[in-house]
């Protein structure tokens, strides 16, 4: 397989369905297992021999640039003037480029084997375009752009279809003569069910449908490894689990920096990847693979259910418990009997008997004994509102989601599936039943009743 010369990465969209994590960053810059999605994608492309990268930026441009700082290869940034859709974004990126193009969203977690399979098929058959498609499984095609493959060919696409069995992944290999189809995009996704109400923007899928309508060959390549479009908050957990599982599969043995320390009293049941000056202390239990960053420490009876990824300079100590397939960002503190499971970003403080399960943004401070109630008493489904639409997540519906720079007071309780906005505070003793908007403080008012009391109450 001859590698493509250039890949176009689309990272300009506002990501409104990703709230609260899209407020301070583009979702392509969200870290999965402590590496931003777009950075992991660029690194994987480099492994496939693709080092010429054009990144289309828009909303949250600074976060995307920061995520790719220091990445290898020749990376060029192109700003999309207006959020006019993926076809428009790809045309901006392709300006002045000759030859075949690989187009990918920047907000995906993807097994590199999928990209390799797409390129192999494209080079072998040389269709006008090739598209990666994924069987939907338990997910509804109403949530995605549906694909209709037949014997390796794409026969049609439909936006938010009622009966699709596959979804378009948004990953395309294109010959250079496919660009006029992007240029002549009608500016709206015409292939939708009756009443589908598509937004006025150019979508690559519609250009692909025009190719099909005009008899052009479009190859459909089914995914061979994991693929997660990180579009909504619960997709973070799906992507994190898949990426950590891949890291475990690729791990051949221990990799321990000479300056790292492991106490003889630690109980290890997994492989270790320890960075410079990392510490695994006495009475620690590690039940699976562990990636422990430079300067990070796991000490004094901490329990890691594994596999777990822990960032640089994070301290996990004093009999706290970390759930399997969790990732903890750098410079955090998890201590004093706290329990955490899920994804946490940089500088999260979680201690004093907190019980947190879900996704936690940057620099979140949990008050003592903050608890996430992730089981419902009525056994009903937890219904979310995403951009006003009622949805029931396939995973993580009952977990809690904390926006960046938020905090909680002592004994706060977060009910199943609730989201806390960026810069917001859940006050002491609050039971949070509803999502809390950005920049909002919610407190509880206590009603007190005072009356006389004494031994006469017992007949004395």
Protein backbone atom coordinates (compact mmCIF):
# COMPACT_ATOMS: atom_id res chain seq x y z
CA UNK A 1 0.00 0.00 0.00
CA UNK A 2 1.42 3.36 -1.03
CA UNK A 3 0.68 5.89 1.70
CA UNK A 4 -1.34 8.97 0.93
CA UNK A 5 0.66 12.16 0.76
CA UNK A 6 -1.91 14.25 2.64
CA UNK A 7 -4.65 13.83 5.23
CA UNK A 8 -7.29 16.46 5.93
CA UNK A 9 -8.51 16.61 9.53
CA UNK A 10 -11.74 18.48 10.18
CA UNK A 11 -11.74 20.14 13.61
CA UNK A 12 -13.78 23.32 13.15
CA UNK A 13 -17.26 22.47 14.44
CA UNK A 14 -18.69 23.99 17.64
CA UNK A 15 -19.63 20.58 19.13
CA UNK A 16 -22.77 21.81 20.88
CA UNK A 17 -23.99 18.27 21.62
CA UNK A 18 -20.77 17.74 23.59
CA UNK A 19 -21.73 20.20 26.37
CA UNK A 20 -20.35 20.84 28.94
CA UNK A 21 -16.97 19.83 27.52
CA UNK A 22 -17.12 22.00 24.39
CA UNK A 23 -17.19 25.33 26.23
CA UNK A 24 -13.44 25.74 26.82
CA UNK A 25 -12.11 23.54 24.00
CA UNK A 26 -12.91 22.05 20.63
CA UNK A 27 -14.05 18.47 21.19
CA UNK A 28 -11.21 17.24 18.94
CA UNK A 29 -8.88 18.46 21.71
CA UNK A 30 -10.58 16.44 24.45
CA UNK A 31 -8.09 14.01 26.04
CA UNK A 32 -8.80 10.29 25.90
CA UNK A 33 -6.40 8.29 28.09
CA UNK A 34 -4.60 11.64 28.57
CA UNK A 35 -3.94 12.25 24.86
CA UNK A 36 -6.18 14.66 22.90
CA UNK A 37 -8.23 12.92 20.23
CA UNK A 38 -6.71 14.91 17.37
CA UNK A 39 -3.17 14.31 18.65
CA UNK A 40 -3.76 10.56 18.89
CA UNK A 41 -5.13 10.65 15.34
CA UNK A 42 -2.12 12.53 13.96
CA UNK A 43 0.27 10.15 15.72
CA UNK A 44 -1.56 7.13 14.28
CA UNK A 45 -1.47 8.65 10.78
CA UNK A 46 2.28 9.10 11.15
CA UNK A 47 2.51 5.40 11.99
CA UNK A 48 0.82 4.70 8.65
CA UNK A 49 3.31 6.90 6.81
CA UNK A 50 1.04 9.95 6.43
CA UNK A 51 2.90 12.99 7.71
CA UNK A 52 1.44 15.80 5.58
CA UNK A 53 -1.53 17.01 7.60
CA UNK A 54 -3.92 19.88 6.99
CA UNK A 55 -6.12 20.67 9.99
CA UNK A 56 -9.26 22.74 9.49
CA UNK A 57 -9.95 24.85 12.58
CA UNK A 58 -12.73 27.17 13.68
CA UNK A 59 -14.39 27.12 17.11
CA UNK A 60 -11.83 26.37 19.81
CA UNK A 61 -8.91 26.81 17.39
CA UNK A 62 -6.43 27.47 20.19
CA UNK A 63 -7.19 24.17 21.91
CA UNK A 64 -6.57 22.23 18.67
CA UNK A 65 -3.29 24.03 18.03
CA UNK A 66 -2.19 23.38 21.61
CA UNK A 67 -3.12 19.70 21.33
CA UNK A 68 -0.87 19.33 18.26
CA UNK A 69 2.05 21.31 19.63
CA UNK A 70 5.19 19.20 19.24
CA UNK A 71 3.54 16.61 17.00
CA UNK A 72 5.70 15.20 14.24
CA UNK A 73 5.17 15.66 10.53
CA UNK A 74 4.27 18.69 8.45
CA UNK A 75 1.11 20.15 9.99
CA UNK A 76 -0.66 23.12 8.44
CA UNK A 77 -3.72 24.86 9.84
CA UNK A 78 -6.53 26.30 7.71
CA UNK A 79 -9.32 28.31 9.28
CA UNK A 80 -12.86 27.78 8.04
CA UNK A 81 -14.37 31.29 7.98
CA UNK A 82 -17.88 30.13 8.82
CA UNK A 83 -19.28 26.78 10.11
CA UNK A 84 -20.65 25.90 6.67
CA UNK A 85 -20.32 22.11 6.89
CA UNK A 86 -17.85 19.32 6.31
CA UNK A 87 -17.74 19.60 2.50
CA UNK A 88 -16.88 23.29 2.78
CA UNK A 89 -14.23 22.53 5.41
CA UNK A 90 -12.62 19.83 3.26
CA UNK A 91 -12.52 22.18 0.25
CA UNK A 92 -10.70 24.81 2.29
CA UNK A 93 -8.18 22.21 3.40
CA UNK A 94 -7.68 20.76 -0.10
CA UNK A 95 -6.86 24.10 -1.74
CA UNK A 96 -3.56 23.80 -3.61
CA UNK A 97 -3.14 20.07 -2.98
CA UNK A 98 -2.74 17.60 -5.83
CA UNK A 99 -3.32 13.87 -5.54
CA UNK A 100 -5.45 11.57 -3.43
CA UNK A 101 -6.83 12.80 -0.13
CA UNK A 102 -7.74 11.15 3.14
CA UNK A 103 -10.45 13.05 5.04
CA UNK A 104 -11.11 12.41 8.73
CA UNK A 105 -13.03 14.11 11.55
CA UNK A 106 -10.73 15.27 14.32
CA UNK A 107 -13.07 14.12 17.09
CA UNK A 108 -12.93 10.36 16.59
CA UNK A 109 -11.28 7.52 18.47
CA UNK A 110 -10.31 5.05 15.77
CA UNK A 111 -8.30 1.87 15.56
CA UNK A 112 -5.55 2.54 12.97
CA UNK A 113 -6.44 -0.80 11.41
CA UNK A 114 -9.62 0.84 10.10
CA UNK A 115 -7.66 3.54 8.29
CA UNK A 116 -5.27 0.96 6.90
CA UNK A 117 -8.16 -1.18 5.61
CA UNK A 118 -9.75 1.84 3.93
CA UNK A 119 -6.54 2.84 2.18
CA UNK A 120 -5.73 -0.70 1.10
CA UNK A 121 -9.12 -1.09 -0.54
CA UNK A 122 -8.91 2.35 -2.14
CA UNK A 123 -5.49 1.69 -3.66
CA UNK A 124 -6.51 -1.76 -4.89
CA UNK A 125 -9.68 -0.63 -6.70
CA UNK A 126 -9.19 3.10 -7.30
CA UNK A 127 -12.87 4.09 -6.93
CA UNK A 128 -13.75 7.75 -7.02
CA UNK A 129 -14.25 7.56 -3.26
CA UNK A 130 -14.16 5.05 -0.43
CA UNK A 131 -16.03 5.44 2.83
CA UNK A 132 -15.57 3.77 6.19
CA UNK A 133 -18.88 2.37 7.53
CA UNK A 134 -19.70 0.82 10.89
CA UNK A 135 -22.42 -1.66 11.88
CA UNK A 136 -24.69 0.11 14.34
CA UNK A 137 -25.35 -2.74 16.76
CA UNK A 138 -27.56 -1.49 19.60
CA UNK A 139 -27.44 2.14 18.48
CA UNK A 140 -30.22 3.76 16.51
CA UNK A 141 -29.60 5.02 13.00
CA UNK A 142 -31.72 8.04 13.96
CA UNK A 143 -28.65 9.37 15.76
CA UNK A 144 -26.27 9.18 12.78
CA UNK A 145 -25.81 9.55 9.05
CA UNK A 146 -26.80 6.10 7.83
CA UNK A 147 -24.94 4.13 5.16
CA UNK A 148 -26.40 1.43 2.95
CA UNK A 149 -23.58 -0.87 1.79
CA UNK A 150 -24.11 -3.79 -0.54
CA UNK A 151 -21.37 -6.20 -1.63
CA UNK A 152 -18.64 -3.72 -0.80
CA UNK A 153 -20.28 -0.78 -2.54
CA UNK A 154 -22.12 2.15 -1.03
CA UNK A 155 -25.60 2.24 -2.56
CA UNK A 156 -26.91 5.25 -0.67
CA UNK A 157 -26.79 7.42 2.41
CA UNK A 158 -29.51 9.01 4.54
CA UNK A 159 -29.36 11.49 7.37
CA UNK A 160 -30.83 10.18 10.64
CA UNK A 161 -32.52 7.29 8.91
CA UNK A 162 -35.20 5.22 10.61
CA UNK A 163 -34.00 1.89 9.25
CA UNK A 164 -30.25 2.07 8.64
CA UNK A 165 -28.03 -0.81 9.80
CA UNK A 166 -24.70 0.97 9.24
CA UNK A 167 -23.46 4.47 9.88
CA UNK A 168 -21.09 6.65 7.92
CA UNK A 169 -17.94 7.23 9.93
CA UNK A 170 -17.02 10.47 8.16
CA UNK A 171 -13.71 8.93 7.07
CA UNK A 172 -13.19 9.08 3.30
CA UNK A 173 -10.47 8.38 0.75
CA UNK A 174 -10.96 10.57 -2.33
CA UNK A 175 -9.37 10.84 -5.71
CA UNK A 176 -8.53 14.40 -6.69
CA UNK A 177 -11.30 14.37 -9.30
CA UNK A 178 -13.85 13.91 -6.48
CA UNK A 179 -13.31 17.51 -5.34
CA UNK A 180 -15.84 19.00 -7.81
CA UNK A 181 -18.52 16.98 -6.01
CA UNK A 182 -17.59 18.77 -2.80
CA UNK A 183 -17.51 22.12 -4.58
CA UNK A 184 -20.98 21.55 -6.12
CA UNK A 185 -22.56 20.43 -2.87
CA UNK A 186 -26.12 21.85 -2.66
CA UNK A 187 -25.51 23.20 0.83
CA UNK A 188 -28.08 21.02 2.58
CA UNK A 189 -28.33 17.29 3.29
CA UNK A 190 -31.11 16.37 0.87
CA UNK A 191 -31.15 12.64 1.64
CA UNK A 192 -33.19 12.61 4.86
CA UNK A 193 -36.48 11.04 5.94
CA UNK A 194 -39.64 13.08 5.47
CA UNK A 195 -39.61 15.75 8.18
CA UNK A 196 -35.89 15.28 8.76
CA UNK A 197 -35.25 19.06 8.89
CA UNK A 198 -31.54 19.11 7.95
CA UNK A 199 -29.51 22.25 8.78
CA UNK A 200 -28.36 24.49 5.96
CA UNK A 201 -24.77 23.30 5.63
CA UNK A 202 -22.75 21.29 3.14
CA UNK A 203 -22.23 17.72 4.25
CA UNK A 204 -19.72 15.40 2.54
CA UNK A 205 -22.30 12.60 2.73
CA UNK A 206 -24.54 14.53 0.32
CA UNK A 207 -21.66 14.87 -2.14
CA UNK A 208 -21.12 11.12 -1.86
CA UNK A 209 -24.81 10.57 -2.62
CA UNK A 210 -24.47 12.67 -5.78
CA UNK A 211 -21.52 10.49 -6.83
CA UNK A 212 -23.71 7.41 -6.37
CA UNK A 213 -26.63 9.00 -8.23
CA UNK A 214 -24.34 9.70 -11.19
CA UNK A 215 -23.07 6.12 -11.31
CA UNK A 216 -19.66 6.76 -9.81
CA UNK A 217 -18.16 3.89 -7.78
CA UNK A 218 -18.00 4.48 -4.03
CA UNK A 219 -16.44 1.68 -2.01
CA UNK A 220 -17.85 0.83 1.42
CA UNK A 221 -15.25 -0.49 3.86
CA UNK A 222 -16.62 -1.93 7.10
CA UNK A 223 -14.75 -1.23 10.31
CA UNK A 224 -12.36 -3.95 11.46
CA UNK A 225 -11.45 -2.37 14.79
CA UNK A 226 -13.06 0.05 17.21
CA UNK A 227 -14.49 3.36 16.10
CA UNK A 228 -16.13 5.94 18.37
CA UNK A 229 -17.43 9.28 17.16
CA UNK A 230 -17.03 11.41 20.29
CA UNK A 231 -20.15 13.47 19.73
CA UNK A 232 -21.89 13.46 23.13
CA UNK A 233 -20.57 13.25 26.71
CA UNK A 234 -21.17 9.52 27.16
CA UNK A 235 -19.07 8.79 24.08
CA UNK A 236 -16.05 9.90 26.14
CA UNK A 237 -16.42 6.80 28.30
CA UNK A 238 -16.86 4.53 25.27
CA UNK A 239 -13.75 5.94 23.61
CA UNK A 240 -11.70 5.79 26.80
CA UNK A 241 -12.52 2.11 27.34
CA UNK A 242 -11.67 1.21 23.74
CA UNK A 243 -8.38 3.13 23.71
CA UNK A 244 -7.21 1.66 27.03
CA UNK A 245 -8.14 -1.82 25.84
CA UNK A 246 -6.02 -1.24 22.72
CA UNK A 247 -3.11 -0.03 24.87
CA UNK A 248 -3.36 -3.24 26.89
CA UNK A 249 -3.36 -5.41 23.77
CA UNK A 250 -0.23 -3.66 22.49
CA UNK A 251 1.59 -3.93 25.82
CA UNK A 252 4.22 -6.66 25.63
CA UNK A 253 5.60 -6.40 29.15
CA UNK A 254 6.70 -4.03 31.87
CA UNK A 255 8.39 -0.75 30.99
CA UNK A 256 9.82 0.79 34.13
CA UNK A 257 11.99 3.91 34.17
CA UNK A 258 15.23 3.43 36.15
CA UNK A 259 14.21 6.15 38.60
CA UNK A 260 10.77 4.66 39.30
CA UNK A 261 10.19 2.88 42.62
CA UNK A 262 8.02 -0.12 43.50
CA UNK A 263 7.63 -1.06 47.18
CA UNK A 264 8.00 -4.71 48.11
CA UNK A 265 4.68 -4.45 49.94
CA UNK A 266 2.72 -3.61 46.77
CA UNK A 267 0.48 -6.32 45.33
CA UNK A 268 0.76 -6.22 41.53
CA UNK A 269 -1.45 -8.27 39.19
CA UNK A 270 -0.74 -6.63 35.85
CA UNK A 271 1.91 -5.05 33.70
CA UNK A 272 3.46 -1.72 34.62
CA UNK A 273 4.48 1.26 32.50
CA UNK A 274 6.14 3.63 34.94
CA UNK A 275 7.52 7.04 34.03
CA UNK A 276 10.44 8.93 35.52
CA UNK A 277 10.28 9.13 39.33
CA UNK A 278 6.93 7.33 39.44
CA UNK A 279 6.16 5.55 42.72
CA UNK A 280 4.10 2.47 43.61
CA UNK A 281 4.03 2.37 47.38
CA UNK A 282 3.34 0.00 50.26
CA UNK A 283 -0.03 -1.80 50.60
CA UNK A 284 -1.03 -0.74 47.09
CA UNK A 285 -3.13 -3.22 45.09
CA UNK A 286 -2.95 -3.10 41.28
CA UNK A 287 -5.43 -5.51 39.67
CA UNK A 288 -4.58 -4.85 36.01
CA UNK A 289 -2.28 -2.96 33.70
CA UNK A 290 -1.11 0.42 34.96
CA UNK A 291 0.33 3.39 33.10
CA UNK A 292 1.79 5.77 35.70
CA UNK A 293 3.17 9.06 34.40
CA UNK A 294 6.35 10.87 35.38
CA UNK A 295 6.29 12.02 38.98
CA UNK A 296 2.98 10.29 39.67
CA UNK A 297 2.48 8.15 42.74
CA UNK A 298 0.16 5.42 44.01
CA UNK A 299 0.73 4.96 47.72
CA UNK A 300 -0.57 3.86 51.13
CA UNK A 301 -3.16 1.23 50.35
CA UNK A 302 -4.65 2.67 47.18
CA UNK A 303 -6.58 0.14 45.08
CA UNK A 304 -6.48 0.24 41.29
CA UNK A 305 -8.93 -2.15 39.63
CA UNK A 306 -7.12 -1.78 36.31
CA UNK A 307 -6.39 -1.20 33.59
CA UNK A 308 -5.81 2.41 34.63
CA UNK A 309 -3.98 5.34 33.04
CA UNK A 310 -2.65 7.98 35.45
CA UNK A 311 -1.09 11.26 34.30
CA UNK A 312 2.12 13.01 35.32
CA UNK A 313 2.45 14.21 38.93
CA UNK A 314 -0.94 12.84 40.02
CA UNK A 315 -1.16 11.41 43.55
CA UNK A 316 -3.41 8.43 44.33
CA UNK A 317 -3.17 7.53 48.00
CA UNK A 318 -4.67 6.71 51.40
CA UNK A 319 -6.89 3.75 50.53
CA UNK A 320 -8.79 5.37 47.70
CA UNK A 321 -10.16 3.13 44.94
CA UNK A 322 -9.93 3.70 41.17
CA UNK A 323 -12.21 1.71 38.86
CA UNK A 324 -11.08 -0.27 35.84
CA UNK A 325 -10.65 1.45 32.46
CA UNK A 326 -10.34 4.81 34.19
CA UNK A 327 -7.98 7.58 33.16
CA UNK A 328 -6.82 10.31 35.53
CA UNK A 329 -5.28 13.47 34.15
CA UNK A 330 -2.03 15.05 35.33
CA UNK A 331 -1.53 16.91 38.62
CA UNK A 332 -4.61 15.50 40.33
CA UNK A 333 -5.15 14.28 43.89
CA UNK A 334 -7.27 11.21 44.79
CA UNK A 335 -7.12 10.45 48.47
CA UNK A 336 -8.66 9.63 51.87
CA UNK A 337 -10.96 6.74 50.96
CA UNK A 338 -12.38 8.35 47.82
CA UNK A 339 -13.76 6.20 45.00
CA UNK A 340 -13.45 7.26 41.38
CA UNK A 341 -14.39 5.56 38.13
CA UNK A 342 -14.38 7.11 34.65
CA UNK A 343 -12.43 9.92 33.00
CA UNK A 344 -10.90 12.90 34.77
CA UNK A 345 -8.85 15.67 33.21
CA UNK A 346 -6.03 17.76 34.60
CA UNK A 347 -5.82 18.84 38.26
CA UNK A 348 -8.93 17.20 39.68
CA UNK A 349 -9.12 17.04 43.48
CA UNK A 350 -11.16 14.09 44.75
CA UNK A 351 -10.76 12.98 48.35
CA UNK A 352 -12.44 12.67 51.78
CA UNK A 353 -14.85 9.84 50.95
CA UNK A 354 -16.12 11.16 47.65
CA UNK A 355 -17.82 8.65 45.36
CA UNK A 356 -17.52 9.88 41.77
CA UNK A 357 -18.43 7.98 38.62
CA UNK A 358 -18.50 9.62 35.19
CA UNK A 359 -16.54 12.33 33.40
CA UNK A 360 -14.80 15.21 35.16
CA UNK A 361 -13.43 18.27 33.36
CA UNK A 362 -10.30 20.25 34.12
CA UNK A 363 -9.55 21.63 37.61
CA UNK A 364 -12.72 20.34 39.29
CA UNK A 365 -12.70 20.45 43.10
CA UNK A 366 -15.00 18.03 44.93
CA UNK A 367 -16.17 18.87 48.44
CA UNK A 368 -15.88 16.14 51.05
CA UNK A 369 -18.36 13.27 50.70
CA UNK A 370 -19.68 14.37 47.31
CA UNK A 371 -21.61 11.40 45.94
CA UNK A 372 -22.86 10.50 42.47
CA UNK A 373 -26.09 8.54 42.67
CA UNK A 374 -25.80 6.28 39.65
CA UNK A 375 -28.62 3.82 40.37
CA UNK A 376 -32.30 4.67 40.00
CA UNK A 377 -34.86 3.43 42.53
CA UNK A 378 -37.56 3.13 39.87
CA UNK A 379 -35.46 1.10 37.39
CA UNK A 380 -36.51 3.42 34.58
CA UNK A 381 -34.31 4.77 31.83
CA UNK A 382 -32.61 8.10 32.38
CA UNK A 383 -33.67 10.51 29.66
CA UNK A 384 -31.23 13.24 28.65
CA UNK A 385 -31.89 16.46 26.79
CA UNK A 386 -29.24 17.08 24.15
CA UNK A 387 -29.82 20.33 22.29
CA UNK A 388 -33.47 20.00 23.28
CA UNK A 389 -33.83 16.44 21.96
CA UNK A 390 -34.78 13.64 24.34
CA UNK A 391 -32.19 10.83 24.25
CA UNK A 392 -31.40 7.73 26.26
CA UNK A 393 -27.63 7.05 26.16
CA UNK A 394 -26.60 3.50 25.37
CA UNK A 395 -23.85 3.69 28.01
CA UNK A 396 -23.17 5.95 30.98
CA UNK A 397 -26.72 7.29 31.16
CA UNK A 398 -26.75 7.27 34.97
CA UNK A 399 -23.25 8.62 35.55
CA UNK A 400 -22.38 12.22 36.43
CA UNK A 401 -20.70 14.75 34.12
CA UNK A 402 -18.85 17.73 35.57
CA UNK A 403 -17.83 20.67 33.37
CA UNK A 404 -14.40 22.30 33.55
CA UNK A 405 -13.58 24.52 36.53
CA UNK A 406 -16.70 23.49 38.45
CA UNK A 407 -16.83 22.47 42.10
CA UNK A 408 -19.05 20.94 44.75
CA UNK A 409 -19.61 21.61 48.43
CA UNK A 410 -19.62 19.13 51.31
CA UNK A 411 -22.19 16.33 51.01
CA UNK A 412 -23.44 17.32 47.56
CA UNK A 413 -25.39 14.56 45.80
CA UNK A 414 -25.52 14.37 42.01
CA UNK A 415 -28.47 12.37 40.74
CA UNK A 416 -28.19 9.93 37.79
CA UNK A 417 -27.22 11.45 34.45
CA UNK A 418 -26.93 15.06 35.58
CA UNK A 419 -24.46 17.51 34.05
CA UNK A 420 -22.80 20.39 35.86
CA UNK A 421 -21.86 23.33 33.66
CA UNK A 422 -18.51 25.05 33.28
CA UNK A 423 -17.59 27.50 36.11
CA UNK A 424 -20.58 26.29 38.14
CA UNK A 425 -20.93 25.28 41.80
CA UNK A 426 -23.15 22.69 43.47
CA UNK A 427 -23.37 23.96 47.03
CA UNK A 428 -23.13 21.98 50.29
CA UNK A 429 -25.95 19.54 50.88
CA UNK A 430 -27.55 20.12 47.48
CA UNK A 431 -29.27 17.20 45.76
CA UNK A 432 -28.86 18.03 42.07
CA UNK A 433 -31.91 16.72 40.22
CA UNK A 434 -31.48 18.74 37.02
CA UNK A 435 -28.59 19.80 34.79
CA UNK A 436 -26.86 22.92 36.11
CA UNK A 437 -26.11 25.56 33.44
CA UNK A 438 -22.71 27.19 32.99
CA UNK A 439 -21.72 29.98 35.40
CA UNK A 440 -24.37 29.04 37.97
CA UNK A 441 -24.26 28.59 41.75
CA UNK A 442 -26.95 26.44 43.36
CA UNK A 443 -27.36 26.29 47.14
CA UNK A 444 -29.79 24.65 49.55
CA UNK A 445 -31.92 26.59 52.03
CA UNK A 446 -32.46 24.92 55.38
CA UNK A 447 -35.74 25.32 57.27
CA UNK A 448 -35.23 25.09 61.07
CA UNK A 449 -37.88 24.45 63.75
CA UNK A 450 -37.06 25.06 67.41
CA UNK A 451 -39.12 23.84 70.35
CA UNK A 452 -38.54 22.96 73.98
CA UNK A 453 -37.04 19.59 74.85
CA UNK A 454 -35.88 17.83 78.00
CA UNK A 455 -36.26 14.89 80.38
CA UNK A 456 -39.96 15.61 80.82
CA UNK A 457 -40.44 14.18 77.37
CA UNK A 458 -39.77 10.79 78.96
CA UNK A 459 -42.03 11.25 81.99
CA UNK A 460 -39.45 12.52 84.44
